Structure formats: structure tokens, C-alpha cells
C-alpha atoms as a PDB file:
ATOM      1  CA  MET A   1     -75.304 -89.926  86.415  1.00  0.00           C
ATOM      2  CA  LYS A   2     -74.030 -93.327  84.781  1.00  0.00           C
ATOM      3  CA  LYS A   3     -77.284 -94.025  84.264  1.00  0.00           C
ATOM      4  CA  LEU A   4     -78.542 -90.725  82.218  1.00  0.00           C
ATOM      5  CA  ILE A   5     -75.453 -91.434  79.735  1.00  0.00           C
ATOM      6  CA  SER A   6     -76.374 -95.467  79.824  1.00  0.00           C
ATOM      7  CA  LEU A   7     -80.075 -94.585  78.910  1.00  0.00           C
ATOM      8  CA  THR A   8     -79.370 -92.142  76.232  1.00  0.00           C
ATOM      9  CA  ALA A   9     -76.937 -94.702  74.727  1.00  0.00           C
ATOM     10  CA  ILE A  10     -79.695 -97.281  74.352  1.00  0.00           C
ATOM     11  CA  ILE A  11     -82.005 -94.613  73.060  1.00  0.00           C
ATOM     12  CA  LEU A  12     -79.231 -93.782  70.166  1.00  0.00           C
ATOM     13  CA  THR A  13     -78.395 -97.387  69.773  1.00  0.00           C
ATOM     14  CA  ILE A  14     -82.135 -98.607  69.290  1.00  0.00           C
ATOM     15  CA  ASN A  15     -82.833 -95.361  67.096  1.00  0.00           C
ATOM     16  CA  LEU A  16     -79.689 -96.216  65.147  1.00  0.00           C
ATOM     17  CA  LEU A  17     -80.648 -99.983  64.289  1.00  0.00           C
ATOM     18  CA  SER A  18     -84.128 -99.211  63.764  1.00  0.00           C
ATOM     19  CA  TYR A  19     -82.783 -96.673  60.604  1.00  0.00           C
ATOM     20  CA  ALA A  20     -80.462 -99.898  59.901  1.00  0.00           C
ATOM     21  CA  GLN A  21     -83.048-102.232  59.382  1.00  0.00           C
ATOM     22  CA  CYS A  22     -85.316 -99.658  57.831  1.00  0.00           C
ATOM     23  CA  LYS A  23     -82.262 -99.136  55.188  1.00  0.00           C
ATOM     24  CA  GLU A  24     -81.731-103.071  55.147  1.00  0.00           C
ATOM     25  CA  TYR A  25     -85.118-103.244  53.737  1.00  0.00           C
ATOM     26  CA  ILE A  26     -85.638-100.884  51.244  1.00  0.00           C
ATOM     27  CA  LYS A  27     -82.244-102.289  49.940  1.00  0.00           C
ATOM     28  CA  ALA A  28     -83.537-105.838  49.744  1.00  0.00           C
ATOM     29  CA  ILE A  29     -87.079-104.710  47.965  1.00  0.00           C
ATOM     30  CA  ALA A  30     -85.977-102.067  45.319  1.00  0.00           C
ATOM     31  CA  PRO A  31     -84.081-104.047  42.612  1.00  0.00           C
ATOM     32  CA  SER A  32     -87.392-106.239  42.055  1.00  0.00           C
ATOM     33  CA  MET A  33     -89.170-102.790  41.982  1.00  0.00           C
ATOM     34  CA  LEU A  34     -87.121-100.965  40.064  1.00  0.00           C
ATOM     35  CA  GLU A  35     -87.027-103.365  37.235  1.00  0.00           C
ATOM     36  CA  PRO A  36     -85.716-102.550  34.306  1.00  0.00           C
ATOM     37  CA  TYR A  37     -84.088 -99.669  35.765  1.00  0.00           C
ATOM     38  CA  VAL A  38     -81.309-100.092  38.456  1.00  0.00           C
ATOM     39  CA  SER A  39     -80.624 -98.393  41.431  1.00  0.00           C
ATOM     40  CA  ASP A  40     -78.048 -95.821  41.742  1.00  0.00           C
ATOM     41  CA  GLY A  41     -76.982 -97.449  45.101  1.00  0.00           C
ATOM     42  CA  ASN A  42     -77.914 -94.671  47.332  1.00  0.00           C
ATOM     43  CA  PHE A  43     -81.116 -95.484  49.862  1.00  0.00           C
ATOM     44  CA  PHE A  44     -82.202 -92.465  51.616  1.00  0.00           C
ATOM     45  CA  ALA A  45     -85.114 -95.203  54.195  1.00  0.00           C
ATOM     46  CA  PRO A  46     -85.773 -93.200  57.153  1.00  0.00           C
ATOM     47  CA  THR A  47     -88.049 -94.943  59.929  1.00  0.00           C
ATOM     48  CA  ILE A  48     -91.151 -91.968  60.454  1.00  0.00           C
ATOM     49  CA  TYR A  49     -94.512 -91.842  61.911  1.00  0.00           C
ATOM     50  CA  GLU A  50     -97.897 -91.789  59.821  1.00  0.00           C
ATOM     51  CA  GLY A  51     -98.479 -87.861  58.862  1.00  0.00           C
ATOM     52  CA  ASP A  52     -95.069 -87.181  58.709  1.00  0.00           C
ATOM     53  CA  GLU A  53     -92.829 -85.785  55.308  1.00  0.00           C
ATOM     54  CA  VAL A  54     -89.481 -86.156  54.323  1.00  0.00           C
ATOM     55  CA  THR A  55     -87.474 -84.201  51.873  1.00  0.00           C
ATOM     56  CA  LEU A  56     -84.499 -85.204  49.467  1.00  0.00           C
ATOM     57  CA  LYS A  57     -82.635 -83.429  47.325  1.00  0.00           C
ATOM     58  CA  ARG A  58     -80.967 -85.049  44.730  1.00  0.00           C
ATOM     59  CA  THR A  59     -78.990 -84.328  41.289  1.00  0.00           C
ATOM     60  CA  PHE A  60     -79.935 -85.973  38.319  1.00  0.00           C
ATOM     61  CA  ILE A  61     -77.958 -85.967  34.828  1.00  0.00           C
ATOM     62  CA  GLY A  62     -79.139 -84.406  31.476  1.00  0.00           C
ATOM     63  CA  GLY A  63     -80.251 -87.072  29.301  1.00  0.00           C
ATOM     64  CA  GLN A  64     -80.328 -90.145  31.721  1.00  0.00           C
ATOM     65  CA  ARG A  65     -83.508 -92.038  32.175  1.00  0.00           C
ATOM     66  CA  TYR A  66     -84.603 -92.335  35.454  1.00  0.00           C
ATOM     67  CA  LYS A  67     -87.425 -93.871  38.208  1.00  0.00           C
ATOM     68  CA  ILE A  68     -88.081 -92.467  41.143  1.00  0.00           C
ATOM     69  CA  MET A  69     -89.853 -94.453  43.616  1.00  0.00           C
ATOM     70  CA  ILE A  70     -91.128 -94.473  47.159  1.00  0.00           C
ATOM     71  CA  LEU A  71     -91.442 -97.715  48.886  1.00  0.00           C
ATOM     72  CA  GLY A  72     -92.536 -98.970  52.149  1.00  0.00           C
ATOM     73  CA  MET A  73     -95.741 -98.080  54.400  1.00  0.00           C
ATOM     74  CA  ASP A  74     -97.975 -99.909  52.150  1.00  0.00           C
ATOM     75  CA  LEU A  75    -100.994 -99.070  53.954  1.00  0.00           C
ATOM     76  CA  TRP A  76    -100.716 -95.536  54.034  1.00  0.00           C
ATOM     77  CA  GLN A  77    -101.334 -93.316  51.212  1.00  0.00           C
ATOM     78  CA  LYS A  78     -98.782 -91.157  50.420  1.00  0.00           C
ATOM     79  CA  LYS A  79     -98.683 -87.996  48.698  1.00  0.00           C
ATOM     80  CA  VAL A  80     -95.722 -87.122  46.363  1.00  0.00           C
ATOM     81  CA  THR A  81     -94.269 -83.988  45.121  1.00  0.00           C
ATOM     82  CA  ILE A  82     -91.523 -83.373  42.413  1.00  0.00           C
ATOM     83  CA  LYS A  83     -89.693 -80.027  42.009  1.00  0.00           C
ATOM     84  CA  ASP A  84     -87.154 -78.766  40.258  1.00  0.00           C
ATOM     85  CA  ASP A  85     -84.741 -75.992  42.005  1.00  0.00           C
ATOM     86  CA  ASP A  86     -87.197 -73.226  40.752  1.00  0.00           C
ATOM     87  CA  GLY A  87     -90.166 -74.467  42.635  1.00  0.00           C
ATOM     88  CA  PHE A  88     -91.653 -76.192  39.230  1.00  0.00           C
ATOM     89  CA  THR A  89     -93.815 -78.749  39.794  1.00  0.00           C
ATOM     90  CA  LEU A  90     -92.671 -81.843  37.702  1.00  0.00           C
ATOM     91  CA  PHE A  91     -94.661 -84.673  39.282  1.00  0.00           C
ATOM     92  CA  GLN A  92     -97.542 -84.830  41.840  1.00  0.00           C
ATOM     93  CA  ASN A  93     -99.581 -87.180  42.589  1.00  0.00           C
ATOM     94  CA  PHE A  94    -102.462 -85.924  44.143  1.00  0.00           C
ATOM     95  CA  PRO A  95    -104.191 -82.940  42.475  1.00  0.00           C
ATOM     96  CA  PRO A  96    -103.724 -79.238  43.545  1.00  0.00           C
ATOM     97  CA  ARG A  97    -106.000 -77.860  46.165  1.00  0.00           C
ATOM     98  CA  ARG A  98    -107.572 -75.416  44.148  1.00  0.00           C
ATOM     99  CA  HIS A  99    -108.435 -78.483  41.357  1.00  0.00           C
ATOM    100  CA  LYS A 100    -109.877 -81.259  42.732  1.00  0.00           C
ATOM    101  CA  GLU A 101    -112.204 -81.810  40.015  1.00  0.00           C
ATOM    102  CA  LEU A 102    -108.944 -82.264  37.378  1.00  0.00           C
ATOM    103  CA  ASN A 103    -107.662 -85.780  36.670  1.00  0.00           C
ATOM    104  CA  CYS A 104    -103.605 -85.886  37.506  1.00  0.00           C
ATOM    105  CA  SER A 105    -101.717 -87.011  34.782  1.00  0.00           C
ATOM    106  CA  PHE A 106     -98.319 -87.852  33.480  1.00  0.00           C
ATOM    107  CA  THR A 107     -96.821 -88.723  30.215  1.00  0.00           C
ATOM    108  CA  ASP A 108     -93.607 -91.122  30.519  1.00  0.00           C
ATOM    109  CA  TRP A 109     -90.454 -91.089  28.467  1.00  0.00           C
ATOM    110  CA  GLU A 110     -92.490 -93.139  26.252  1.00  0.00           C
ATOM    111  CA  GLY A 111     -95.037 -90.839  25.568  1.00  0.00           C
ATOM    112  CA  ASN A 112     -97.454 -93.041  27.353  1.00  0.00           C
ATOM    113  CA  GLU A 113    -100.094 -91.139  29.311  1.00  0.00           C
ATOM    114  CA  ILE A 114    -100.433 -92.189  33.443  1.00  0.00           C
ATOM    115  CA  PRO A 115    -103.112 -91.573  35.991  1.00  0.00           C
ATOM    116  CA  CYS A 116    -101.004 -89.853  38.671  1.00  0.00           C
ATOM    117  CA  LEU A 117    -103.554 -90.239  41.816  1.00  0.00           C
ATOM    118  CA  GLY A 118    -101.850 -92.397  44.084  1.00  0.00           C
ATOM    119  CA  GLN A 119     -99.165 -93.263  42.130  1.00  0.00           C
ATOM    120  CA  THR A 120     -95.525 -93.694  43.784  1.00  0.00           C
ATOM    121  CA  TYR A 121     -93.336 -94.034  40.706  1.00  0.00           C
ATOM    122  CA  PHE A 122     -92.143 -91.306  37.938  1.00  0.00           C
ATOM    123  CA  GLU A 123     -90.181 -92.219  35.359  1.00  0.00           C
ATOM    124  CA  PHE A 124     -88.561 -89.214  33.390  1.00  0.00           C
ATOM    125  CA  ILE A 125     -85.594 -88.360  30.952  1.00  0.00           C
ATOM    126  CA  PRO A 126     -83.883 -84.715  32.280  1.00  0.00           C
ATOM    127  CA  ASP A 127     -82.995 -82.782  29.213  1.00  0.00           C
ATOM    128  CA  HIS A 128     -80.159 -81.111  31.493  1.00  0.00           C
ATOM    129  CA  THR A 129     -78.225 -81.976  34.900  1.00  0.00           C
ATOM    130  CA  MET A 130     -80.808 -80.633  37.366  1.00  0.00           C
ATOM    131  CA  THR A 131     -81.491 -80.803  41.069  1.00  0.00           C
ATOM    132  CA  LEU A 132     -85.072 -82.105  42.205  1.00  0.00           C
ATOM    133  CA  LEU A 133     -86.447 -81.616  45.444  1.00  0.00           C
ATOM    134  CA  ILE A 134     -88.423 -85.153  46.354  1.00  0.00           C
ATOM    135  CA  LYS A 135     -91.381 -84.238  48.844  1.00  0.00           C
ATOM    136  CA  VAL A 136     -93.254 -87.235  50.240  1.00  0.00           C
ATOM    137  CA  LYS A 137     -95.908 -86.827  53.189  1.00  0.00           C
ATOM    138  CA  VAL A 138     -97.613 -90.301  54.767  1.00  0.00           C
ATOM    139  CA  GLN A 139    -101.130 -90.283  55.420  1.00  0.00           C
ATOM    140  CA  GLN A 140    -101.959 -90.136  59.124  1.00  0.00           C
ATOM    141  CA  ILE A 141    -104.567 -92.238  60.176  1.00  0.00           C
ATOM    142  CA  ALA A 142    -104.588 -92.493  64.089  1.00  0.00           C
ATOM    143  CA  LYS A 143    -106.590 -89.584  65.399  1.00  0.00           C
ATOM    144  CA  ARG A 144    -104.498 -88.762  68.167  1.00  0.00           C
ATOM    145  CA  LYS A 145    -100.512 -87.914  67.787  1.00  0.00           C
ATOM    146  CA  LYS A 146     -99.416 -90.599  70.690  1.00  0.00           C
ATOM    147  CA  ASP A 147    -101.257 -93.342  68.415  1.00  0.00           C
ATOM    148  CA  ARG A 148     -99.533 -92.806  65.033  1.00  0.00           C
ATOM    149  CA  VAL A 149     -97.612 -96.010  63.804  1.00  0.00           C
ATOM    150  CA  LYS A 150     -93.865 -95.810  63.192  1.00  0.00           C
ATOM    151  CA  GLY A 151     -92.907 -97.461  59.321  1.00  0.00           C
ATOM    152  CA  CYS A 152     -90.303 -97.416  56.930  1.00  0.00           C
ATOM    153  CA  LEU A 153     -90.209 -95.264  53.992  1.00  0.00           C
ATOM    154  CA  GLY A 154     -88.008 -95.207  51.181  1.00  0.00           C
ATOM    155  CA  ILE A 155     -87.004 -92.775  48.095  1.00  0.00           C
ATOM    156  CA  VAL A 156     -84.880 -95.139  46.366  1.00  0.00           C
ATOM    157  CA  VAL A 157     -83.559 -93.873  42.645  1.00  0.00           C
ATOM    158  CA  GLY A 158     -83.293 -96.293  39.359  1.00  0.00           C
ATOM    159  CA  TYR A 159     -81.509 -95.188  35.955  1.00  0.00           C
ATOM    160  CA  LEU A 160     -81.549 -97.155  32.574  1.00  0.00           C
ATOM    161  CA  PRO A 161     -78.625 -98.360  31.900  1.00  0.00           C
ATOM    162  CA  GLN A 162     -76.601 -97.724  28.282  1.00  0.00           C
ATOM    163  CA  LYS A 163     -77.160-100.959  26.927  1.00  0.00           C
ATOM    164  CA  SER A 164     -81.425-101.510  27.967  1.00  0.00           C
ATOM    165  CA  ARG A 165     -82.610 -98.301  25.968  1.00  0.00           C
ATOM    166  CA  ASN A 166     -83.987 -98.488  23.084  1.00  0.00           C
END
């Protein structure tokens, strides 16, 4: 029984250290990746396997400029979908299945049209305070589930400080 408790404690400790290392990694690279945006200080950085999907629900204040950025797991394609509370898709970086021939693009806050295929960030200004659901699915390359690679994925949110706005 003591061995079982010790083994469980070791596994939990390894998982917590893995999460802590992932979070620290994302925390270290986020500031330079978000510039000129400033991190809001919250770092969602799970350790996941290729083929997995993560979801984050966040509230955004109306009138504030934001950048949502997906970091880590650089070797794998990441499908990003951002929806509002009503289920309306605000952003996705891949064309919908039924429209594979369409080019995917979005308009940033300066009015520039940006192709979003493979894009791992989204800049926007909500017109009112809203909660968004951010889903990220990491491509699975391994043929068998047991051969999947584990890595660090981060979803970070930055805002543009008042003094930086033009």
C-alpha cells in the first residue's frame, strides 16, 4: 500500500513539474511574441499530446484592443477556432470543411486583410464585453496513439495599453 501511495505521489509530482515547466516556458517567450501588446498576466499552458484539443474560455472588455496568440508545439499544425457565447465563429485559421476551396482571411483592427491559413494569432477590438471560447487542436502526425509526442502549448492574451494606441 505504501508503494502505491509513493508511486502515485511521484506521478503527480512529475505532472505538476511538467505543467510548471511548460508555463514558465510560455511565460518567458510570450512578451517578445506579443509586442507591442502586453500580456494580461494569465498564462494557459498545458502539456498535451499531438492530436489533442484544448479549450479556454475568457472574457474580453469592449473597446480594448486584444491579441490572442497560440505558442509552442511549433512542429505541429494547430487548428484555432474562436467563437462567441452564441456559437458564432469570429476566427478560424483553416477553411471550413464544406468550403475547402475558399481562402481564409480576417481583417485586423487596422483594416488590413490578413490570410489566416496557419495563422496562430488573432487581433481584435470587441465592441462590447464578451466571453469567447478559444479551441486549439494540435495535428497528430504519429500513426499510433502510443507514439504521439507530448509538448507544451500556450494560449496567451495581450492587450494594447492606452498610451500605445494611435
